[in-house]
Amino acid sequence: MKIQYFPDTDTVIVILNDNPVKETRDLDENTLLDLDENGNLVSLTIEHAKECVGIPNFSYQIAA
């Protein structure tokens, strides 16, 4: 998994795998889902990330 933040567009992209994208769906006005040929999630794009997901406070935790 890879998470990329683009400050110039305030966009976050979460890439879950390298499968080719067959379809992109709008989840809501700020969120796009990229799906592969089997309908599995490939990546998630969040626009206006600072206000939608609080990107300045981003952290992660590995659950055991």
Protein backbone atom coordinates (compact mmCIF):
# COMPACT_ATOMS: atom_id res chain seq x y z
CA MET A 1 0.00 0.00 0.00
CA LYS A 2 1.18 3.49 -0.79
CA ILE A 3 -0.27 6.81 0.36
CA GLN A 4 0.60 9.96 -1.57
CA TYR A 5 -0.31 13.55 -0.68
CA PHE A 6 -0.15 16.32 -3.28
CA PRO A 7 -0.15 19.68 -1.46
CA ASP A 8 -0.55 21.72 -4.66
CA THR A 9 -4.00 20.15 -5.25
CA ASP A 10 -4.70 19.09 -1.62
CA THR A 11 -5.31 15.53 -2.82
CA VAL A 12 -4.60 12.19 -1.13
CA ILE A 13 -4.30 8.97 -3.10
CA VAL A 14 -4.28 5.61 -1.31
CA ILE A 15 -2.97 2.93 -3.67
CA LEU A 16 -3.80 -0.57 -2.48
CA ASN A 17 -2.35 -2.60 -5.36
CA ASP A 18 -0.95 -2.28 -8.90
CA ASN A 19 -3.89 -3.85 -10.72
CA PRO A 20 -4.97 -2.02 -13.89
CA VAL A 21 -7.91 0.31 -13.30
CA LYS A 22 -10.97 -0.58 -15.36
CA GLU A 23 -13.51 1.82 -13.82
CA THR A 24 -13.55 4.93 -11.64
CA ARG A 25 -16.62 5.64 -9.51
CA ASP A 26 -17.60 8.74 -7.56
CA LEU A 27 -18.28 7.84 -3.94
CA ASP A 28 -19.19 11.45 -3.14
CA GLU A 29 -18.20 14.89 -4.40
CA ASN A 30 -14.65 14.58 -2.98
CA THR A 31 -13.93 10.84 -3.20
CA LEU A 32 -13.14 8.63 -6.20
CA LEU A 33 -12.80 4.84 -6.18
CA ASP A 34 -10.70 3.04 -8.80
CA LEU A 35 -11.76 -0.55 -9.44
CA ASP A 36 -10.11 -3.39 -11.35
CA GLU A 37 -11.81 -5.72 -13.85
CA ASN A 38 -13.24 -7.84 -11.00
CA GLY A 39 -14.67 -4.85 -9.13
CA ASN A 40 -11.94 -4.91 -6.48
CA LEU A 41 -10.68 -1.62 -5.06
CA VAL A 42 -7.35 -0.53 -6.55
CA SER A 43 -7.07 3.00 -5.17
CA LEU A 44 -8.96 5.75 -3.39
CA THR A 45 -8.60 9.46 -4.19
CA ILE A 46 -9.68 12.15 -1.72
CA GLU A 47 -9.84 15.75 -2.93
CA HIS A 48 -9.84 18.70 -0.47
CA ALA A 49 -8.01 16.41 1.95
CA LYS A 50 -7.23 19.02 4.61
CA GLU A 51 -10.90 19.61 5.33
CA CYS A 52 -12.21 16.10 4.52
CA VAL A 53 -9.75 13.91 6.42
CA GLY A 54 -7.57 16.23 8.49
CA ILE A 55 -4.42 15.44 6.52
CA PRO A 56 -2.10 17.60 8.70
CA ASN A 57 -2.84 15.18 11.58
CA PHE A 58 -2.32 11.96 9.61
CA SER A 59 -0.89 8.99 11.47
CA TYR A 60 -1.11 5.22 11.21
CA GLN A 61 -0.88 2.24 13.51
CA ILE A 62 0.03 -1.36 12.81
CA ALA A 63 -2.49 -3.58 14.59
CA ALA A 64 -1.23 -6.84 15.97
